Protein backbone atom coordinates (compact mmCIF):
# COMPACT_ATOMS: atom_id res chain seq x y z
CA MET A 1 -53.05 112.77 35.96
CA THR A 2 -56.21 111.23 34.67
CA GLU A 3 -56.74 108.12 32.59
CA SER A 4 -58.52 108.95 29.39
CA MET A 5 -60.37 106.23 27.26
CA ALA A 6 -57.96 106.68 24.31
CA SER A 7 -55.70 103.73 23.78
CA LYS A 8 -52.40 104.28 25.56
CA THR A 9 -48.88 103.02 24.55
CA GLY A 10 -46.72 100.89 26.93
CA LEU A 11 -43.11 101.57 27.29
CA LEU A 12 -41.01 98.51 28.56
CA PHE A 13 -37.66 98.67 29.91
CA PRO A 14 -35.46 95.51 30.13
CA GLY A 15 -33.39 94.87 32.86
CA GLN A 16 -29.91 92.92 33.61
CA GLY A 17 -29.72 89.80 31.33
CA ALA A 18 -31.05 91.44 28.14
CA GLN A 19 -27.36 92.89 27.20
CA THR A 20 -25.48 91.65 24.41
CA VAL A 21 -22.15 92.71 23.04
CA GLY A 22 -22.77 95.28 20.40
CA MET A 23 -26.21 96.60 21.69
CA GLY A 24 -27.11 100.04 20.50
CA LYS A 25 -24.31 100.42 18.02
CA GLU A 26 -26.66 100.65 14.92
CA LEU A 27 -28.52 103.57 16.60
CA TYR A 28 -25.19 104.95 17.92
CA ASP A 29 -23.89 104.95 14.26
CA ASN A 30 -26.92 106.48 12.71
CA PHE A 31 -28.81 108.80 15.25
CA ASP A 32 -27.22 111.94 17.09
CA ASP A 33 -29.48 111.55 20.11
CA ALA A 34 -28.04 108.08 20.59
CA ARG A 35 -24.47 109.18 20.18
CA ARG A 36 -24.78 111.90 22.72
CA THR A 37 -26.28 109.59 25.22
CA PHE A 38 -23.22 107.05 24.94
CA ASP A 39 -20.78 110.03 24.92
CA THR A 40 -22.59 111.69 28.19
CA ALA A 41 -22.40 107.79 29.81
CA ASN A 42 -18.57 107.66 29.06
CA SER A 43 -18.20 111.18 30.62
CA VAL A 44 -20.18 110.81 33.90
CA LEU A 45 -19.01 107.18 34.66
CA GLY A 46 -15.46 108.04 34.15
CA PHE A 47 -14.39 104.90 31.87
CA ASP A 48 -15.46 103.84 28.41
CA ILE A 49 -18.48 102.00 28.89
CA THR A 50 -19.31 102.47 25.09
CA LYS A 51 -16.31 100.46 24.30
CA ILE A 52 -17.28 97.82 26.65
CA ILE A 53 -20.78 97.64 25.37
CA PHE A 54 -19.88 97.55 21.64
CA GLU A 55 -16.68 95.53 21.96
CA GLY A 56 -17.00 93.34 24.94
CA PRO A 57 -15.72 90.98 25.92
CA ASP A 58 -18.92 89.42 27.16
CA GLU A 59 -17.38 88.15 30.66
CA THR A 60 -16.71 91.95 31.26
CA LEU A 61 -20.23 93.18 30.14
CA ARG A 62 -21.75 90.57 32.30
CA GLN A 63 -20.13 91.86 35.51
CA THR A 64 -22.90 93.81 37.31
CA GLN A 65 -21.14 97.14 37.79
CA TYR A 66 -20.80 97.23 33.99
CA THR A 67 -24.09 95.58 32.85
CA GLN A 68 -26.36 97.76 34.91
CA PRO A 69 -25.05 101.15 33.31
CA ALA A 70 -24.81 99.31 29.94
CA VAL A 71 -28.42 98.36 29.83
CA PHE A 72 -29.43 101.53 30.99
CA VAL A 73 -27.62 103.78 28.60
CA ALA A 74 -28.48 101.45 25.78
CA SER A 75 -32.04 101.82 26.64
CA ILE A 76 -32.22 105.57 27.10
CA ALA A 77 -30.55 105.88 23.73
CA ALA A 78 -33.08 103.95 22.13
CA TYR A 79 -35.85 105.77 24.03
CA ARG A 80 -34.59 109.06 22.94
CA VAL A 81 -34.40 107.93 19.21
CA PHE A 82 -37.73 106.40 19.25
CA SER A 83 -39.50 109.05 21.19
CA SER A 84 -38.20 111.60 18.48
CA ALA A 85 -39.10 109.54 15.48
CA ALA A 86 -42.56 108.58 16.88
CA GLY A 87 -43.28 112.20 18.20
CA LEU A 88 -44.41 110.36 21.44
CA SER A 89 -46.98 112.53 23.63
CA PRO A 90 -46.53 112.04 27.34
CA GLN A 91 -50.30 111.90 28.24
CA ASN A 92 -50.83 108.81 25.96
CA CYS A 93 -47.77 106.89 27.63
CA ILE A 94 -47.53 104.60 30.43
CA ALA A 95 -44.07 103.20 31.38
CA ALA A 96 -42.72 100.14 33.34
CA GLY A 97 -39.25 98.51 33.56
CA HIS A 98 -37.91 95.15 35.02
CA SER A 99 -36.01 95.46 37.94
CA LEU A 100 -32.84 97.80 36.44
CA GLY A 101 -35.23 98.70 33.76
CA GLU A 102 -37.11 100.65 36.33
CA TYR A 103 -34.56 103.38 36.16
CA SER A 104 -34.65 103.60 32.57
CA ALA A 105 -38.71 104.08 32.66
CA LEU A 106 -38.07 106.78 35.43
CA CYS A 107 -35.38 108.66 33.33
CA ALA A 108 -37.71 108.55 30.35
CA ALA A 109 -40.36 110.04 32.65
CA GLY A 110 -38.27 112.79 33.44
CA VAL A 111 -37.98 111.96 37.16
CA PHE A 112 -34.05 112.42 36.97
CA SER A 113 -31.64 113.13 34.27
CA LEU A 114 -29.63 110.86 32.20
CA GLU A 115 -26.38 112.12 34.28
CA GLU A 116 -28.33 111.43 37.47
CA GLY A 117 -29.60 108.19 36.36
CA LEU A 118 -26.32 106.91 35.31
CA GLU A 119 -24.80 107.88 38.75
CA LEU A 120 -27.77 106.04 40.65
CA VAL A 121 -27.59 103.01 38.47
CA LYS A 122 -23.65 102.83 38.81
CA ALA A 123 -24.07 103.08 42.64
CA ARG A 124 -26.95 100.43 42.70
CA GLY A 125 -24.78 97.96 40.46
CA GLU A 126 -21.81 98.48 43.01
CA TYR A 127 -24.13 98.01 46.09
CA ILE A 128 -25.59 94.92 44.76
CA GLN A 129 -22.39 93.58 43.83
CA LYS A 130 -21.09 94.37 47.33
CA ALA A 131 -23.93 92.44 48.86
CA SER A 132 -23.81 89.47 46.56
CA ALA A 133 -19.98 89.07 47.58
CA SER A 134 -20.37 89.30 51.27
CA THR A 135 -23.70 86.85 51.04
CA PRO A 136 -23.17 84.66 48.13
CA GLY A 137 -26.42 83.34 46.40
CA THR A 138 -28.00 82.55 43.23
CA MET A 139 -31.38 82.28 41.35
CA ALA A 140 -33.27 79.79 39.61
CA ALA A 141 -36.11 80.04 37.08
CA ILE A 142 -39.22 77.52 37.71
CA ILE A 143 -41.27 77.17 34.73
CA GLY A 144 -44.67 75.23 34.78
CA LEU A 145 -45.53 74.92 38.51
CA GLU A 146 -48.25 76.93 40.60
CA THR A 147 -46.88 79.81 42.52
CA ALA A 148 -48.38 78.62 45.87
CA LYS A 149 -46.48 75.33 45.32
CA ILE A 150 -43.30 77.11 44.72
CA GLY A 151 -43.74 79.12 47.85
CA GLU A 152 -44.47 75.81 49.90
CA ILE A 153 -41.28 74.51 48.35
CA CYS A 154 -39.25 77.79 49.45
CA ALA A 155 -40.47 77.23 52.96
CA ALA A 156 -39.49 73.62 53.03
CA VAL A 157 -35.88 74.17 52.59
CA LYS A 158 -35.33 77.12 54.83
CA ASP A 159 -33.11 74.76 57.00
CA LYS A 160 -30.63 75.15 54.14
CA GLY A 161 -30.76 78.94 54.05
CA VAL A 162 -32.93 81.80 52.61
CA CYS A 163 -34.97 80.98 49.48
CA GLU A 164 -37.79 83.34 48.30
CA ALA A 165 -39.91 83.69 45.15
CA VAL A 166 -38.48 87.17 43.72
CA ASN A 167 -39.71 87.47 40.01
CA PHE A 168 -43.38 86.77 39.32
CA ASN A 169 -42.87 87.33 35.44
CA SER A 170 -45.65 85.51 33.64
CA PRO A 171 -48.24 82.58 34.20
CA GLY A 172 -46.02 79.51 34.89
CA GLN A 173 -42.61 81.36 35.22
CA VAL A 174 -41.33 82.38 38.69
CA VAL A 175 -37.85 83.04 39.75
CA ILE A 176 -36.55 82.16 43.13
CA ALA A 177 -33.65 83.46 44.73
CA GLY A 178 -31.49 82.95 48.07
CA SER A 179 -28.53 80.90 49.50
CA ILE A 180 -27.11 78.63 46.96
CA GLY A 181 -27.58 75.53 48.94
CA ALA A 182 -31.38 76.39 49.55
CA VAL A 183 -32.13 77.40 45.81
CA GLU A 184 -30.33 74.29 44.54
CA ALA A 185 -32.56 72.17 46.90
CA ALA A 186 -35.55 73.92 45.99
CA ALA A 187 -35.14 73.74 42.32
CA LYS A 188 -34.57 70.04 42.55
CA LEU A 189 -37.93 69.62 44.74
CA CYS A 190 -39.80 71.96 41.97
CA GLN A 191 -38.67 69.64 39.44
CA GLU A 192 -39.86 66.70 41.57
CA ALA A 193 -43.29 68.30 42.15
CA GLY A 194 -43.94 68.78 38.31
CA ALA A 195 -42.20 71.70 37.19
CA THR A 196 -41.52 71.56 33.43
CA LYS A 197 -38.00 73.22 33.98
CA ALA A 198 -36.18 74.33 36.95
CA ILE A 199 -33.02 76.13 35.65
CA LEU A 200 -30.05 77.78 37.93
CA LEU A 201 -29.43 81.15 36.33
CA ASN A 202 -25.85 82.23 35.47
CA VAL A 203 -26.27 85.25 37.91
CA SER A 204 -23.78 86.95 40.28
CA GLY A 205 -26.11 87.13 43.47
CA PRO A 206 -29.54 86.28 44.86
CA PHE A 207 -31.13 89.63 43.33
CA HIS A 208 -34.69 90.83 44.85
CA SER A 209 -34.06 88.49 47.89
CA SER A 210 -33.94 89.67 51.47
CA LEU A 211 -30.09 88.90 51.18
CA MET A 212 -30.21 92.07 49.08
CA THR A 213 -31.27 94.20 52.34
CA PRO A 214 -27.63 95.66 52.78
CA ALA A 215 -27.67 97.04 49.13
CA SER A 216 -31.10 98.56 49.76
CA ILE A 217 -29.83 100.33 52.89
CA MET A 218 -26.91 101.69 51.00
CA MET A 219 -29.32 102.87 48.15
CA ARG A 220 -31.53 104.61 50.52
CA GLU A 221 -28.49 106.73 51.57
CA LYS A 222 -27.48 107.48 48.12
CA LEU A 223 -30.94 108.34 47.06
CA ALA A 224 -31.43 111.01 49.90
CA GLY A 225 -28.74 113.22 47.87
CA TYR A 226 -31.18 113.36 44.91
CA SER A 227 -34.28 115.42 44.22
CA LEU A 228 -36.77 113.31 42.37
CA LYS A 229 -39.14 115.15 40.02
CA GLU A 230 -42.70 114.18 39.28
CA PRO A 231 -42.88 111.89 36.35
CA VAL A 232 -44.30 113.16 33.17
CA PHE A 233 -46.20 109.83 32.49
CA PRO A 234 -47.25 107.29 35.03
CA VAL A 235 -44.62 104.55 35.88
CA ILE A 236 -45.77 101.27 37.25
CA THR A 237 -43.36 100.13 39.87
CA ASN A 238 -41.81 96.83 40.47
CA CYS A 239 -42.43 96.45 44.11
CA ASP A 240 -46.12 97.09 44.16
CA ALA A 241 -47.49 96.90 40.49
CA ALA A 242 -49.02 100.32 41.23
CA PRO A 243 -48.72 103.61 39.13
CA VAL A 244 -46.57 106.35 40.73
CA THR A 245 -47.13 109.97 39.82
CA ASP A 246 -45.93 111.40 43.27
CA ASN A 247 -42.24 111.87 43.24
CA ASN A 248 -42.22 111.85 47.17
CA LEU A 249 -42.92 108.23 47.10
CA LEU A 250 -40.43 107.18 44.47
CA ALA A 251 -37.49 107.04 46.75
CA ASP A 252 -38.82 104.62 49.05
CA LYS A 253 -40.27 102.36 46.17
CA LEU A 254 -36.46 102.34 44.74
CA VAL A 255 -35.17 101.44 47.90
CA ARG A 256 -37.92 98.58 48.58
CA GLN A 257 -37.26 97.32 44.79
CA ILE A 258 -33.88 95.91 45.51
CA ASN A 259 -34.89 93.42 48.22
CA SER A 260 -38.43 92.88 47.24
CA PRO A 261 -40.15 90.71 44.32
CA VAL A 262 -40.54 91.92 40.88
CA LEU A 263 -44.34 91.86 40.41
CA TRP A 264 -44.05 91.76 36.65
CA GLU A 265 -47.38 89.95 35.69
CA ASP A 266 -49.43 92.27 37.85
CA THR A 267 -47.42 95.28 36.47
CA ILE A 268 -48.34 94.36 32.71
CA ARG A 269 -51.98 93.53 34.03
CA ARG A 270 -52.04 96.87 35.52
CA MET A 271 -50.93 98.61 32.32
CA ILE A 272 -53.57 97.05 30.39
CA SER A 273 -56.25 97.81 32.89
CA MET A 274 -55.02 101.52 32.14
CA ASN A 275 -55.93 100.96 28.42
CA VAL A 276 -52.73 100.23 27.25
CA GLY A 277 -53.40 98.60 23.77
CA THR A 278 -49.63 98.62 22.32
CA PHE A 279 -46.52 97.92 23.91
CA ILE A 280 -43.06 99.02 22.95
CA GLU A 281 -39.92 97.09 24.28
CA ILE A 282 -37.34 99.86 24.27
CA GLY A 283 -33.60 98.50 24.53
CA PRO A 284 -31.75 95.32 23.90
CA GLY A 285 -33.40 92.22 23.31
CA ARG A 286 -37.24 90.72 23.47
CA VAL A 287 -37.55 89.19 26.86
CA LEU A 288 -40.21 91.44 27.85
CA SER A 289 -42.07 90.81 24.68
CA GLY A 290 -41.93 87.05 25.22
CA LEU A 291 -43.33 87.58 28.76
CA LEU A 292 -46.00 89.80 27.42
CA ARG A 293 -47.31 87.22 25.17
CA ARG A 294 -47.59 84.68 27.96
CA ILE A 295 -49.52 87.26 29.93
CA ASP A 296 -51.91 88.70 27.33
CA LYS A 297 -51.43 87.13 23.59
CA THR A 298 -54.01 89.99 22.08
CA LYS A 299 -51.74 93.01 22.72
CA LYS A 300 -49.76 94.30 19.96
CA THR A 301 -45.92 94.66 20.76
CA TYR A 302 -43.01 96.17 19.11
CA ASN A 303 -39.25 96.61 20.14
CA VAL A 304 -36.78 99.39 19.61
CA GLU A 305 -32.92 98.10 19.68
CA ASP A 306 -31.82 99.02 16.03
CA LYS A 307 -32.80 100.64 12.70
CA SER A 308 -35.10 97.86 11.51
CA SER A 309 -36.96 97.52 14.86
CA LEU A 310 -37.29 101.32 15.29
CA GLU A 311 -38.95 101.68 12.00
CA LYS A 312 -41.27 98.99 12.35
CA ALA A 313 -42.27 100.53 16.06
CA VAL A 314 -42.87 103.93 14.66
CA THR A 315 -44.93 102.71 11.83
CA GLY A 316 -46.79 100.59 14.56
CA VAL A 317 -47.52 103.42 16.98
CA HIS A 318 -48.59 105.84 13.88
CA SER A 319 -51.09 103.22 12.50
CA LEU A 320 -52.88 103.32 15.92
């Protein structure tokens, strides 16, 4: 796969935390592609994920074993509708997904089917939940403090447990994760060191930290049963911010992703270096669009989560 000088379209897929009750319902009600995607999810998962997504309650949707397949299916439904409406050409696309969203990006790129993606995402959610239950932890967003300083503070609290920088989201926004006491102590020290904010996150575990290693081991065993195909367009992976076009490397990257940091800022910069001029956030929310503006304000960005945003995104792509 070669990069041409023509401007590319960057496809961004959100991760856990973007979910909202009712996401994707307008697309489900108006587009057959979306409806078929949700109906397939109910069949594969063996429970009515559509009902949980559309009706909640929020406490149920926030549980990792439901959140992960829910965000995945809402994102793929949105991608299928957008891809069809925009007439997307694979040679003009480069994709990335934040954490869980990486599975949406890989499914969009044809690496595995919707059915296989649902099985993998369901397993991933269960493994992460199991690891979180056996080794409780938490996460905190640190805003407005140098990355090096955050690293020093994480090292300084190691007597209280594991504390690591795990999401490098944008300039001035880093997420730390680890043992509850260590993360709480680090968040306090970051605030004292001049961070604009140090916010403890409402999450069920220390995602992307080394405490997730048991989940990554289980995921390796799960992935061994799947034959991953070569992506039809490059996907920039979280663990190394590098484009993957070789399906033989993918399983290892998906295993590493669970207990390695998400290099999101580097991922976006890599996509820009590959000549992405316009970004489309596909799935619930606009979290990634917000991060993109912090990384590079000059890039056009659209999102696709309902009929109105779909129309704007299609018009935007066609105007390129």
